[in-house]
Amino acid sequence: MKAYRTSVYLAVFLGFVLLVLFGCEEAARKAGRTPETVKIQPGQTDEILSNPGMGWQTFHHTATEDENLSGWIPSTVHYARWGWDTLEPEPGKINYAFLDEVLGQTRQAGQRLAFRAMCCSTRPDNPYHPDWLEGVGGKILTCDYAGTEGLLVPDLDDPVVLERHLDFIRRLGERYDGHPDIDHVDIGTVGWWGEWHMSSSKTGKMPTMANRKKIIDAYTAAFRKTPLLMLIGGGECLTYAAGRGAGWRADCLGDMGGFSKTWCHMCDVYPKLIPAAGVQDAWKTAPIAWESCWDMRRWVKEDWSLRYIFNYALALHGSYLNNKSAPLPAGENVRAEIERFLRRFGYRLVLKEIEHPKRIKAGELLTLPMKWQNTGSAPCYRPYRVAYRLTGKDGRELTFVGNITVNKWMPGSVETFTEEFMKEPPDLPPGQIVNVIDHIFLPDDISAGTYLFDIAVVGEQTTEPVLQLGIEGRMSDGWYPLSEIEIITEEQLK
């Protein structure tokens, strides 16, 4: 009997709720406000998107200077590496003029700069440390690399060298942290080429672990706004840097056995280093960068599978690829494989659906349910904002920035480094569809009429579009047309 009474009460309550809803709908209809909504499902595009903070990197050439950058490959990041001596040719005087000139050229090319400073060179004719370092009391070591003797490198444990080293990093950050034309900075300056190892040397040595951590701490203190990437060979230091917010960079993508018949970076090194350092999930909060081993021509020459290499890079959620500004390889299907890769590489944000009322009164809250999906390989790491534009027939434009940011939309994932993965890395699935609801207030004095309704993703502080979306219809100003909204006034309701 108790269950029967509960069912009856529930039925009466549901009936009351439906009656209220029906009454509200009827009242709105009588008031001239129909609850009719418009649902838009934009068509998707297969074009390769040109977006900041991801994609193909040019190397020591801007996009306008790189003769080997194909016209169908967009590049928003210019990557470079310099010795400490280039960046600080005199004691205590960083060559700001040099860096500012590079930044200006990079900006003119429509790119941002990413860079690494280095201390230890394997070339006897081109050491990376400044000449003045020994003159101020810094200790310089003589060591070997792969049979080459007489290489001069700074002793990174020497107190004078360490003090100057940390001060160099600090002053770089003072000038350039958060610079709008800098994309990211490598945590370099340790080991051969700044890669955090002294391999193939019998006499070269890494600094103590305590000093390595001081160097990482110096980078993380100096660059609090600009993203940092740690070299993957750092071992315990990779764990330490990632724990302080750094992503990671691997400089030998594609090596399937070019150095040794018994091991390779793809099959042996990365599957061990990444789990050992515990950085499998670092990509969720900081970017991952790849650099090709040799360049892609070697991959094709060795008949290594481009599909295998590219799927591997996508599965580990890469955002950048530096092919050293080398020519692309010739061969059947090479371009098709690169295009397929670049369509997924980095973030790719797709507006799947958006709804809005067909008519709305001036001064009311415009509610916008949406469905978004990241079909790329990585998140967008900057909190760019979704914005909306209404354009009247008289040409007047009103731009509204909502409360939705795009940096939390994740790509799909696969389990990596399993036996099945190592045989053939699978295609990366798209990310889950994310349901969000945005709200914008229409001004009371907006004129009645029919308005064009557009959408875009704008900057953190500006209302200018900054991203290309994976949908059709992008206009020359970066906005995407969606539909029309009719604005009505209080007088029209009477």
Foldseek 3Di string as FASTA:
>chain_A
DVVVVVVVVVVVVVVVVVVVVVVVQVVCVLLVHHQDKDKFFFFFALQQWAFALFAEEEEPAAPVGQPQDDPSGHHAEYEYEAFPCQQDVDQPDGPVVVVVVVLVVNVVSNHAYEYEYEFFEQDQVDGRHHPCQVVVPWDWDWWHALPRGGGITTDCQPPSNVVSLLVSLQVCLVPPAPPPRHQAYELAHWEYSRQQDPPRIPPDDTHDPVSLVVSLVSNCVSHVRHAYEYHLPNQLVNLVNLVSQHHYEYEAQLWPAPVHPVDTCLQPVVLPSCVNSVCLPSLLAYAYEYEHHQAVQVNVVVPPDLQQRLLSCLQSLHGYYYRNSDHHHDDPCSVVSVSVSSSAHHWAKAWRMKMWHQEDEAQDKTKIKTKMWTAHRGFDNAFWWKKKWWAFPVGDIDIGTWDHTRRNHGFAHDDPDDPVCSVGNDHGGIGDIDIDMTIDTGHQPDDWDKIWMKMATGGPPDRQHRTDHRGDAQDPRRIRTTGMHTYDYSVVSD
